């Protein structure tokens, strides 16, 4: 059993600190050098820090569509050779099934010659991901069991293909498109993009598409069992101390569960009481 834990945190600051928020920022001792960054930008900064410190080795990065829909996060991953992302994207994302030819076309503006990028030989108009997935024939879908649920095996169907992402009507970069759907007459679809090498195979994407649930599980456990969501802290440093305490407690309990196995229920209750005396108030601790 692998340990799933939280290893980094960053506070999301407002983009505009007008009164009374500017006063609250000063009262909360927020460092002056900190400025507004979007959540994908913050994630990219944490990724860069983890990669540069080289303390925890990693090869794959997964995220939901908030990060997949922003160019800042994939670009942060692509700066490192050998690092592969598989991020969810919304259904309305546009892409082309084949490449297009883009050239700098001259035009006149107020007697001045300027240039702009234009698609001069489109192989096909950009399509929405829903159109591509629903238009894929049945022979292109592969049924895979992703896990064992309480009511039996959990099964999805997957397909993959190379596409060219488009932004503002222009081709951006070539990536893998991975589509996942439920089995049945009215399937539900999910979409992912990845910069994985051309040699990558479907089992790799099947695995990566299901890894992100572990992140959600960590947040759920830390909030319900260790009070991570109870962060009504007055000072900037205090918020980080609270996050760090919760992350360390979560890692400790996971390590205890792996070490003791079936005996961990009793150990969880004892450890939870000890953690509570240190300032973290878990609602209840279970194995």
C-alpha atoms as a PDB file:
ATOM      1  CA  UNK A   1       0.000   0.000   0.000  1.00  0.00           C
ATOM      2  CA  UNK A   2       1.430   3.362  -1.065  1.00  0.00           C
ATOM      3  CA  UNK A   3       1.386   6.425   1.184  1.00  0.00           C
ATOM      4  CA  UNK A   4      -0.834   9.254  -0.049  1.00  0.00           C
ATOM      5  CA  UNK A   5      -0.035  12.546   1.592  1.00  0.00           C
ATOM      6  CA  UNK A   6      -0.037  16.320   1.111  1.00  0.00           C
ATOM      7  CA  UNK A   7       3.391  17.891   0.756  1.00  0.00           C
ATOM      8  CA  UNK A   8       2.902  21.563  -0.139  1.00  0.00           C
ATOM      9  CA  UNK A   9       0.458  24.430   0.353  1.00  0.00           C
ATOM     10  CA  UNK A  10       0.071  28.009  -0.827  1.00  0.00           C
ATOM     11  CA  UNK A  11      -2.473  30.664   0.158  1.00  0.00           C
ATOM     12  CA  UNK A  12      -4.654  32.252  -2.521  1.00  0.00           C
ATOM     13  CA  UNK A  13      -4.672  36.041  -2.140  1.00  0.00           C
ATOM     14  CA  UNK A  14      -7.242  38.401  -3.562  1.00  0.00           C
ATOM     15  CA  UNK A  15      -6.379  40.198  -6.775  1.00  0.00           C
ATOM     16  CA  UNK A  16      -7.444  43.606  -5.455  1.00  0.00           C
ATOM     17  CA  UNK A  17      -6.678  44.726  -1.906  1.00  0.00           C
ATOM     18  CA  UNK A  18      -8.956  47.730  -1.529  1.00  0.00           C
ATOM     19  CA  UNK A  19     -10.268  48.910   1.842  1.00  0.00           C
ATOM     20  CA  UNK A  20     -10.970  47.209   4.186  1.00  0.00           C
ATOM     21  CA  UNK A  21      -8.950  44.317   2.738  1.00  0.00           C
ATOM     22  CA  UNK A  22      -5.704  46.307   2.521  1.00  0.00           C
ATOM     23  CA  UNK A  23      -5.912  46.967   6.266  1.00  0.00           C
ATOM     24  CA  UNK A  24      -6.610  43.290   6.936  1.00  0.00           C
ATOM     25  CA  UNK A  25      -3.572  42.336   4.869  1.00  0.00           C
ATOM     26  CA  UNK A  26      -1.374  44.539   7.049  1.00  0.00           C
ATOM     27  CA  UNK A  27      -2.984  43.236  10.245  1.00  0.00           C
ATOM     28  CA  UNK A  28      -2.515  39.654   9.096  1.00  0.00           C
ATOM     29  CA  UNK A  29       1.209  40.282   8.469  1.00  0.00           C
ATOM     30  CA  UNK A  30       1.033  39.171   4.842  1.00  0.00           C
ATOM     31  CA  UNK A  31       4.473  39.735   3.230  1.00  0.00           C
ATOM     32  CA  UNK A  32       4.516  42.811   1.005  1.00  0.00           C
ATOM     33  CA  UNK A  33       6.260  40.995  -1.844  1.00  0.00           C
ATOM     34  CA  UNK A  34       3.345  38.590  -2.283  1.00  0.00           C
ATOM     35  CA  UNK A  35       1.035  39.495  -5.167  1.00  0.00           C
ATOM     36  CA  UNK A  36      -2.002  37.998  -6.815  1.00  0.00           C
ATOM     37  CA  UNK A  37      -1.540  34.745  -8.741  1.00  0.00           C
ATOM     38  CA  UNK A  38      -4.149  32.448 -10.215  1.00  0.00           C
ATOM     39  CA  UNK A  39      -4.474  28.940  -8.829  1.00  0.00           C
ATOM     40  CA  UNK A  40      -2.756  27.372 -11.901  1.00  0.00           C
ATOM     41  CA  UNK A  41       0.114  29.840 -11.466  1.00  0.00           C
ATOM     42  CA  UNK A  42       0.430  28.952  -7.783  1.00  0.00           C
ATOM     43  CA  UNK A  43       0.425  25.247  -8.667  1.00  0.00           C
ATOM     44  CA  UNK A  44       3.158  25.886 -11.232  1.00  0.00           C
ATOM     45  CA  UNK A  45       5.263  27.668  -8.605  1.00  0.00           C
ATOM     46  CA  UNK A  46       4.900  24.789  -6.139  1.00  0.00           C
ATOM     47  CA  UNK A  47       5.754  22.322  -8.890  1.00  0.00           C
ATOM     48  CA  UNK A  48       8.887  24.302  -9.756  1.00  0.00           C
ATOM     49  CA  UNK A  49       9.942  24.419  -6.102  1.00  0.00           C
ATOM     50  CA  UNK A  50       9.489  20.655  -5.645  1.00  0.00           C
ATOM     51  CA  UNK A  51      11.369  19.924  -8.856  1.00  0.00           C
ATOM     52  CA  UNK A  52      14.263  22.265  -8.071  1.00  0.00           C
ATOM     53  CA  UNK A  53      14.657  20.955  -4.517  1.00  0.00           C
ATOM     54  CA  UNK A  54      14.758  17.365  -5.865  1.00  0.00           C
ATOM     55  CA  UNK A  55      13.839  15.959  -2.451  1.00  0.00           C
ATOM     56  CA  UNK A  56      10.818  13.972  -3.631  1.00  0.00           C
ATOM     57  CA  UNK A  57      11.292  12.414  -7.092  1.00  0.00           C
ATOM     58  CA  UNK A  58       8.255  12.303  -9.354  1.00  0.00           C
ATOM     59  CA  UNK A  59       7.548  11.670 -13.021  1.00  0.00           C
ATOM     60  CA  UNK A  60       3.833  12.296 -13.515  1.00  0.00           C
ATOM     61  CA  UNK A  61       1.582  15.245 -12.720  1.00  0.00           C
ATOM     62  CA  UNK A  62      -2.240  15.070 -12.690  1.00  0.00           C
ATOM     63  CA  UNK A  63      -4.810  17.831 -12.146  1.00  0.00           C
ATOM     64  CA  UNK A  64      -8.438  18.737 -12.775  1.00  0.00           C
ATOM     65  CA  UNK A  65      -9.784  20.900 -15.595  1.00  0.00           C
ATOM     66  CA  UNK A  66      -9.193  24.176 -13.734  1.00  0.00           C
ATOM     67  CA  UNK A  67      -5.471  23.594 -14.313  1.00  0.00           C
ATOM     68  CA  UNK A  68      -5.788  21.836 -17.664  1.00  0.00           C
ATOM     69  CA  UNK A  69      -7.745  24.761 -19.115  1.00  0.00           C
ATOM     70  CA  UNK A  70      -5.030  27.248 -18.170  1.00  0.00           C
ATOM     71  CA  UNK A  71      -1.816  27.359 -20.256  1.00  0.00           C
ATOM     72  CA  UNK A  72       0.237  28.382 -17.198  1.00  0.00           C
ATOM     73  CA  UNK A  73       0.167  24.971 -15.521  1.00  0.00           C
ATOM     74  CA  UNK A  74       1.005  22.712 -18.527  1.00  0.00           C
ATOM     75  CA  UNK A  75       3.761  25.145 -19.503  1.00  0.00           C
ATOM     76  CA  UNK A  76       5.257  24.861 -16.019  1.00  0.00           C
ATOM     77  CA  UNK A  77       5.359  21.063 -16.389  1.00  0.00           C
ATOM     78  CA  UNK A  78       6.790  21.161 -19.914  1.00  0.00           C
ATOM     79  CA  UNK A  79       9.790  23.180 -18.734  1.00  0.00           C
ATOM     80  CA  UNK A  80      11.225  19.965 -17.300  1.00  0.00           C
ATOM     81  CA  UNK A  81      12.361  17.192 -19.627  1.00  0.00           C
ATOM     82  CA  UNK A  82      10.944  13.814 -18.694  1.00  0.00           C
ATOM     83  CA  UNK A  83       8.023  15.195 -16.690  1.00  0.00           C
ATOM     84  CA  UNK A  84       4.614  14.076 -17.965  1.00  0.00           C
ATOM     85  CA  UNK A  85       1.252  15.620 -17.196  1.00  0.00           C
ATOM     86  CA  UNK A  86      -2.229  14.193 -17.657  1.00  0.00           C
ATOM     87  CA  UNK A  87      -4.753  16.909 -16.860  1.00  0.00           C
ATOM     88  CA  UNK A  88      -8.505  17.076 -17.311  1.00  0.00           C
ATOM     89  CA  UNK A  89      -9.939  19.605 -19.786  1.00  0.00           C
ATOM     90  CA  UNK A  90     -13.519  20.839 -20.321  1.00  0.00           C
ATOM     91  CA  UNK A  91     -15.685  19.366 -23.054  1.00  0.00           C
ATOM     92  CA  UNK A  92     -15.760  22.623 -25.050  1.00  0.00           C
ATOM     93  CA  UNK A  93     -11.982  22.582 -25.597  1.00  0.00           C
ATOM     94  CA  UNK A  94     -11.192  22.892 -29.312  1.00  0.00           C
ATOM     95  CA  UNK A  95      -8.631  20.848 -31.208  1.00  0.00           C
ATOM     96  CA  UNK A  96      -7.821  19.586 -34.676  1.00  0.00           C
ATOM     97  CA  UNK A  97      -7.404  15.965 -35.650  1.00  0.00           C
ATOM     98  CA  UNK A  98      -4.636  16.829 -38.102  1.00  0.00           C
ATOM     99  CA  UNK A  99      -2.030  19.533 -38.384  1.00  0.00           C
ATOM    100  CA  UNK A 100      -2.528  22.924 -40.005  1.00  0.00           C
ATOM    101  CA  UNK A 101      -0.153  25.217 -41.866  1.00  0.00           C
ATOM    102  CA  UNK A 102       0.312  28.604 -40.211  1.00  0.00           C
ATOM    103  CA  UNK A 103       2.171  31.457 -41.861  1.00  0.00           C
ATOM    104  CA  UNK A 104       2.846  35.129 -41.227  1.00  0.00           C
ATOM    105  CA  UNK A 105       0.535  36.980 -43.601  1.00  0.00           C
ATOM    106  CA  UNK A 106       1.205  40.663 -44.408  1.00  0.00           C
ATOM    107  CA  UNK A 107      -1.591  43.247 -44.360  1.00  0.00           C
ATOM    108  CA  UNK A 108      -1.875  47.013 -44.618  1.00  0.00           C
ATOM    109  CA  UNK A 109      -2.939  49.176 -41.704  1.00  0.00           C
ATOM    110  CA  UNK A 110      -2.982  52.989 -42.071  1.00  0.00           C
ATOM    111  CA  UNK A 111      -0.388  52.800 -44.804  1.00  0.00           C
ATOM    112  CA  UNK A 112       1.815  50.559 -42.714  1.00  0.00           C
ATOM    113  CA  UNK A 113       2.680  46.935 -43.507  1.00  0.00           C
ATOM    114  CA  UNK A 114       2.068  44.552 -40.630  1.00  0.00           C
ATOM    115  CA  UNK A 115       1.954  40.777 -40.252  1.00  0.00           C
ATOM    116  CA  UNK A 116      -0.306  38.366 -38.392  1.00  0.00           C
ATOM    117  CA  UNK A 117      -0.438  34.602 -37.968  1.00  0.00           C
ATOM    118  CA  UNK A 118      -3.112  32.937 -40.083  1.00  0.00           C
ATOM    119  CA  UNK A 119      -4.082  29.375 -40.870  1.00  0.00           C
ATOM    120  CA  UNK A 120      -3.541  29.147 -44.622  1.00  0.00           C
ATOM    121  CA  UNK A 121      -4.002  25.395 -45.114  1.00  0.00           C
ATOM    122  CA  UNK A 122      -6.327  23.963 -42.499  1.00  0.00           C
ATOM    123  CA  UNK A 123      -6.692  20.217 -42.672  1.00  0.00           C
ATOM    124  CA  UNK A 124      -9.927  20.481 -40.704  1.00  0.00           C
ATOM    125  CA  UNK A 125     -11.821  23.018 -38.642  1.00  0.00           C
ATOM    126  CA  UNK A 126     -11.190  22.787 -34.878  1.00  0.00           C
ATOM    127  CA  UNK A 127     -13.691  20.471 -33.221  1.00  0.00           C
ATOM    128  CA  UNK A 128     -15.043  20.321 -29.688  1.00  0.00           C
ATOM    129  CA  UNK A 129     -13.950  17.317 -27.649  1.00  0.00           C
ATOM    130  CA  UNK A 130     -17.541  16.126 -27.368  1.00  0.00           C
ATOM    131  CA  UNK A 131     -17.770  15.951 -31.163  1.00  0.00           C
ATOM    132  CA  UNK A 132     -14.552  13.948 -31.405  1.00  0.00           C
ATOM    133  CA  UNK A 133     -15.498  11.506 -28.642  1.00  0.00           C
ATOM    134  CA  UNK A 134     -19.050  10.897 -29.812  1.00  0.00           C
ATOM    135  CA  UNK A 135     -17.871  10.522 -33.399  1.00  0.00           C
ATOM    136  CA  UNK A 136     -15.300   7.838 -32.545  1.00  0.00           C
ATOM    137  CA  UNK A 137     -16.458   4.385 -33.733  1.00  0.00           C
ATOM    138  CA  UNK A 138     -17.055   1.621 -31.224  1.00  0.00           C
ATOM    139  CA  UNK A 139     -13.972  -0.304 -32.337  1.00  0.00           C
ATOM    140  CA  UNK A 140     -11.771   2.535 -31.034  1.00  0.00           C
ATOM    141  CA  UNK A 141     -13.036   2.213 -27.461  1.00  0.00           C
ATOM    142  CA  UNK A 142     -11.384  -0.199 -25.044  1.00  0.00           C
ATOM    143  CA  UNK A 143     -13.081  -1.413 -21.884  1.00  0.00           C
ATOM    144  CA  UNK A 144     -10.909  -1.434 -18.784  1.00  0.00           C
ATOM    145  CA  UNK A 145     -11.522  -2.220 -15.113  1.00  0.00           C
ATOM    146  CA  UNK A 146     -10.086   0.612 -13.052  1.00  0.00           C
ATOM    147  CA  UNK A 147     -10.841  -0.575  -9.504  1.00  0.00           C
ATOM    148  CA  UNK A 148     -12.992  -2.810  -7.325  1.00  0.00           C
ATOM    149  CA  UNK A 149     -15.961  -1.062  -5.758  1.00  0.00           C
ATOM    150  CA  UNK A 150     -18.360  -2.168  -3.033  1.00  0.00           C
ATOM    151  CA  UNK A 151     -20.825  -3.324  -5.707  1.00  0.00           C
ATOM    152  CA  UNK A 152     -18.259  -4.989  -7.951  1.00  0.00           C
ATOM    153  CA  UNK A 153     -15.635  -3.941 -10.507  1.00  0.00           C
ATOM    154  CA  UNK A 154     -15.719  -0.328 -11.737  1.00  0.00           C
ATOM    155  CA  UNK A 155     -15.444  -0.336 -15.532  1.00  0.00           C
ATOM    156  CA  UNK A 156     -14.936   2.492 -18.037  1.00  0.00           C
ATOM    157  CA  UNK A 157     -14.217   2.686 -21.751  1.00  0.00           C
ATOM    158  CA  UNK A 158     -11.208   4.607 -23.069  1.00  0.00           C
ATOM    159  CA  UNK A 159      -9.883   5.866 -26.365  1.00  0.00           C
ATOM    160  CA  UNK A 160      -6.773   7.866 -27.267  1.00  0.00           C
ATOM    161  CA  UNK A 161      -5.516   9.834 -30.250  1.00  0.00           C
ATOM    162  CA  UNK A 162      -3.078  12.579 -31.183  1.00  0.00           C
ATOM    163  CA  UNK A 163      -4.644  16.017 -31.635  1.00  0.00           C
ATOM    164  CA  UNK A 164      -3.567  19.617 -32.083  1.00  0.00           C
ATOM    165  CA  UNK A 165      -4.880  21.940 -29.388  1.00  0.00           C
ATOM    166  CA  UNK A 166      -6.238  25.254 -30.651  1.00  0.00           C
ATOM    167  CA  UNK A 167      -6.350  28.598 -28.877  1.00  0.00           C
ATOM    168  CA  UNK A 168      -7.967  31.688 -30.387  1.00  0.00           C
ATOM    169  CA  UNK A 169      -8.512  29.751 -33.608  1.00  0.00           C
ATOM    170  CA  UNK A 170      -4.807  28.944 -34.059  1.00  0.00           C
ATOM    171  CA  UNK A 171      -3.009  25.630 -33.480  1.00  0.00           C
ATOM    172  CA  UNK A 172      -1.035  25.609 -30.255  1.00  0.00           C
ATOM    173  CA  UNK A 173       0.639  22.246 -29.589  1.00  0.00           C
ATOM    174  CA  UNK A 174       0.250  18.540 -30.316  1.00  0.00           C
ATOM    175  CA  UNK A 175      -0.823  16.397 -27.361  1.00  0.00           C
ATOM    176  CA  UNK A 176      -2.501  13.113 -26.534  1.00  0.00           C
ATOM    177  CA  UNK A 177      -6.264  13.309 -26.115  1.00  0.00           C
ATOM    178  CA  UNK A 178      -7.661  10.647 -23.782  1.00  0.00           C
ATOM    179  CA  UNK A 179     -11.434  10.198 -23.601  1.00  0.00           C
ATOM    180  CA  UNK A 180     -13.132   8.203 -20.859  1.00  0.00           C
ATOM    181  CA  UNK A 181     -16.805   7.273 -20.693  1.00  0.00           C
ATOM    182  CA  UNK A 182     -19.145   5.180 -18.614  1.00  0.00           C
ATOM    183  CA  UNK A 183     -20.587   1.951 -19.949  1.00  0.00           C
ATOM    184  CA  UNK A 184     -24.255   2.150 -20.938  1.00  0.00           C
ATOM    185  CA  UNK A 185     -26.753   3.636 -23.350  1.00  0.00           C
ATOM    186  CA  UNK A 186     -26.264   7.255 -22.205  1.00  0.00           C
ATOM    187  CA  UNK A 187     -22.575   7.445 -21.276  1.00  0.00           C
ATOM    188  CA  UNK A 188     -20.919  10.271 -19.369  1.00  0.00           C
ATOM    189  CA  UNK A 189     -17.639  11.531 -20.842  1.00  0.00           C
ATOM    190  CA  UNK A 190     -14.407  12.859 -19.343  1.00  0.00           C
ATOM    191  CA  UNK A 191     -11.459  14.299 -21.274  1.00  0.00           C
ATOM    192  CA  UNK A 192      -7.731  14.542 -20.564  1.00  0.00           C
ATOM    193  CA  UNK A 193      -4.702  15.875 -22.425  1.00  0.00           C
ATOM    194  CA  UNK A 194      -1.142  14.691 -21.949  1.00  0.00           C
ATOM    195  CA  UNK A 195       2.336  15.511 -23.224  1.00  0.00           C
ATOM    196  CA  UNK A 196       3.344  11.853 -22.897  1.00  0.00           C
ATOM    197  CA  UNK A 197       5.790  10.478 -25.499  1.00  0.00           C
ATOM    198  CA  UNK A 198       4.533   8.978 -28.751  1.00  0.00           C
ATOM    199  CA  UNK A 199       5.445   5.520 -27.456  1.00  0.00           C
ATOM    200  CA  UNK A 200       2.932   5.791 -24.581  1.00  0.00           C
ATOM    201  CA  UNK A 201       0.207   3.169 -24.478  1.00  0.00           C
ATOM    202  CA  UNK A 202      -3.363   3.157 -23.249  1.00  0.00           C
ATOM    203  CA  UNK A 203      -2.709   1.407 -19.889  1.00  0.00           C
ATOM    204  CA  UNK A 204      -0.557   4.370 -18.821  1.00  0.00           C
ATOM    205  CA  UNK A 205      -3.380   6.834 -19.526  1.00  0.00           C
ATOM    206  CA  UNK A 206      -5.940   4.590 -17.820  1.00  0.00           C
ATOM    207  CA  UNK A 207      -3.801   4.617 -14.690  1.00  0.00           C
ATOM    208  CA  UNK A 208      -3.169   8.385 -14.757  1.00  0.00           C
ATOM    209  CA  UNK A 209      -6.831   9.227 -15.320  1.00  0.00           C
ATOM    210  CA  UNK A 210      -7.723   7.534 -12.036  1.00  0.00           C
ATOM    211  CA  UNK A 211      -4.836   8.740  -9.879  1.00  0.00           C
ATOM    212  CA  UNK A 212      -6.278  12.158  -9.115  1.00  0.00           C
ATOM    213  CA  UNK A 213      -8.941  10.706  -6.811  1.00  0.00           C
ATOM    214  CA  UNK A 214      -6.142  10.092  -4.286  1.00  0.00           C
ATOM    215  CA  UNK A 215      -5.618  13.875  -4.059  1.00  0.00           C
ATOM    216  CA  UNK A 216      -9.312  14.383  -3.329  1.00  0.00           C
ATOM    217  CA  UNK A 217      -9.133  11.599  -0.751  1.00  0.00           C
ATOM    218  CA  UNK A 218      -6.232  13.329   1.028  1.00  0.00           C
ATOM    219  CA  UNK A 219      -8.178  16.595   1.256  1.00  0.00           C
ATOM    220  CA  UNK A 220     -11.295  14.792   2.474  1.00  0.00           C
ATOM    221  CA  UNK A 221      -9.391  12.917   5.167  1.00  0.00           C
ATOM    222  CA  UNK A 222      -7.443  15.986   6.287  1.00  0.00           C
ATOM    223  CA  UNK A 223     -10.603  18.114   6.514  1.00  0.00           C
ATOM    224  CA  UNK A 224     -12.953  15.634   8.161  1.00  0.00           C
ATOM    225  CA  UNK A 225     -10.449  13.869  10.407  1.00  0.00           C
ATOM    226  CA  UNK A 226      -7.834  16.510  11.180  1.00  0.00           C
ATOM    227  CA  UNK A 227      -9.580  19.879  10.928  1.00  0.00           C
ATOM    228  CA  UNK A 228      -7.697  21.233   7.910  1.00  0.00           C
ATOM    229  CA  UNK A 229     -10.738  23.302   6.898  1.00  0.00           C
ATOM    230  CA  UNK A 230     -10.818  24.985  10.314  1.00  0.00           C
ATOM    231  CA  UNK A 231      -8.228  27.575   9.333  1.00  0.00           C
ATOM    232  CA  UNK A 232      -9.766  30.755  10.787  1.00  0.00           C
ATOM    233  CA  UNK A 233      -6.288  32.115  11.506  1.00  0.00           C
ATOM    234  CA  UNK A 234      -5.493  35.800  12.095  1.00  0.00           C
ATOM    235  CA  UNK A 235      -1.891  35.770  10.876  1.00  0.00           C
ATOM    236  CA  UNK A 236      -0.339  34.678   7.575  1.00  0.00           C
ATOM    237  CA  UNK A 237       2.292  32.572   9.342  1.00  0.00           C
ATOM    238  CA  UNK A 238      -0.368  30.944  11.512  1.00  0.00           C
ATOM    239  CA  UNK A 239      -2.246  29.708   8.440  1.00  0.00           C
ATOM    240  CA  UNK A 240       0.901  27.988   7.165  1.00  0.00           C
ATOM    241  CA  UNK A 241       1.572  26.494  10.608  1.00  0.00           C
ATOM    242  CA  UNK A 242      -1.955  25.062  10.649  1.00  0.00           C
ATOM    243  CA  UNK A 243      -1.581  23.571   7.154  1.00  0.00           C
ATOM    244  CA  UNK A 244       1.807  22.064   8.011  1.00  0.00           C
ATOM    245  CA  UNK A 245       0.494  20.511  11.248  1.00  0.00           C
ATOM    246  CA  UNK A 246      -2.446  18.929   9.410  1.00  0.00           C
ATOM    247  CA  UNK A 247      -0.218  17.568   6.639  1.00  0.00           C
ATOM    248  CA  UNK A 248       2.245  16.062   9.116  1.00  0.00           C
ATOM    249  CA  UNK A 249      -0.580  14.497  11.138  1.00  0.00           C
ATOM    250  CA  UNK A 250      -2.125  13.050   7.979  1.00  0.00           C
ATOM    251  CA  UNK A 251       1.195  11.541   6.899  1.00  0.00           C
ATOM    252  CA  UNK A 252       1.749  10.086  10.370  1.00  0.00           C
ATOM    253  CA  UNK A 253      -1.657   8.386  10.455  1.00  0.00           C
ATOM    254  CA  UNK A 254      -1.192   6.934   6.968  1.00  0.00           C
ATOM    255  CA  UNK A 255       2.204   5.572   7.955  1.00  0.00           C
ATOM    256  CA  UNK A 256       0.647   4.081  11.096  1.00  0.00           C
ATOM    257  CA  UNK A 257      -2.128   2.439   9.095  1.00  0.00           C
ATOM    258  CA  UNK A 258       0.320   0.829   6.685  1.00  0.00           C
ATOM    259  CA  UNK A 259       2.557  -0.367   9.492  1.00  0.00           C
ATOM    260  CA  UNK A 260      -0.167  -1.871  11.683  1.00  0.00           C
ATOM    261  CA  UNK A 261      -2.642  -3.009   9.030  1.00  0.00           C
ATOM    262  CA  UNK A 262      -5.856  -4.362  10.575  1.00  0.00           C
ATOM    263  CA  UNK A 263      -4.738  -3.281  14.025  1.00  0.00           C
ATOM    264  CA  UNK A 264      -4.740   0.362  12.926  1.00  0.00           C
ATOM    265  CA  UNK A 265      -8.305   1.140  14.138  1.00  0.00           C
ATOM    266  CA  UNK A 266      -7.189   1.084  17.782  1.00  0.00           C
ATOM    267  CA  UNK A 267      -3.963   2.882  16.882  1.00  0.00           C
ATOM    268  CA  UNK A 268      -5.915   5.578  15.019  1.00  0.00           C
ATOM    269  CA  UNK A 269      -8.051   6.356  18.054  1.00  0.00           C
ATOM    270  CA  UNK A 270      -5.001   6.587  20.328  1.00  0.00           C
ATOM    271  CA  UNK A 271      -3.011   8.636  17.818  1.00  0.00           C
ATOM    272  CA  UNK A 272      -6.005  10.876  17.195  1.00  0.00           C
ATOM    273  CA  UNK A 273      -6.292  11.702  20.866  1.00  0.00           C
ATOM    274  CA  UNK A 274      -2.596  12.536  21.005  1.00  0.00           C
ATOM    275  CA  UNK A 275      -2.865  14.722  17.894  1.00  0.00           C
ATOM    276  CA  UNK A 276      -5.867  16.533  19.408  1.00  0.00           C
ATOM    277  CA  UNK A 277      -3.842  17.424  22.498  1.00  0.00           C
ATOM    278  CA  UNK A 278      -1.271  19.052  20.200  1.00  0.00           C
ATOM    279  CA  UNK A 279      -3.819  21.549  18.876  1.00  0.00           C
ATOM    280  CA  UNK A 280      -5.512  19.654  16.011  1.00  0.00           C
ATOM    281  CA  UNK A 281      -9.068  18.613  16.770  1.00  0.00           C
ATOM    282  CA  UNK A 282     -10.129  15.614  14.628  1.00  0.00           C
ATOM    283  CA  UNK A 283     -13.854  14.977  14.511  1.00  0.00           C
ATOM    284  CA  UNK A 284     -13.359  11.230  14.367  1.00  0.00           C
ATOM    285  CA  UNK A 285     -10.577   8.919  13.281  1.00  0.00           C
ATOM    286  CA  UNK A 286     -11.234   5.659  11.435  1.00  0.00           C
ATOM    287  CA  UNK A 287      -9.069   3.123   9.669  1.00  0.00           C
END
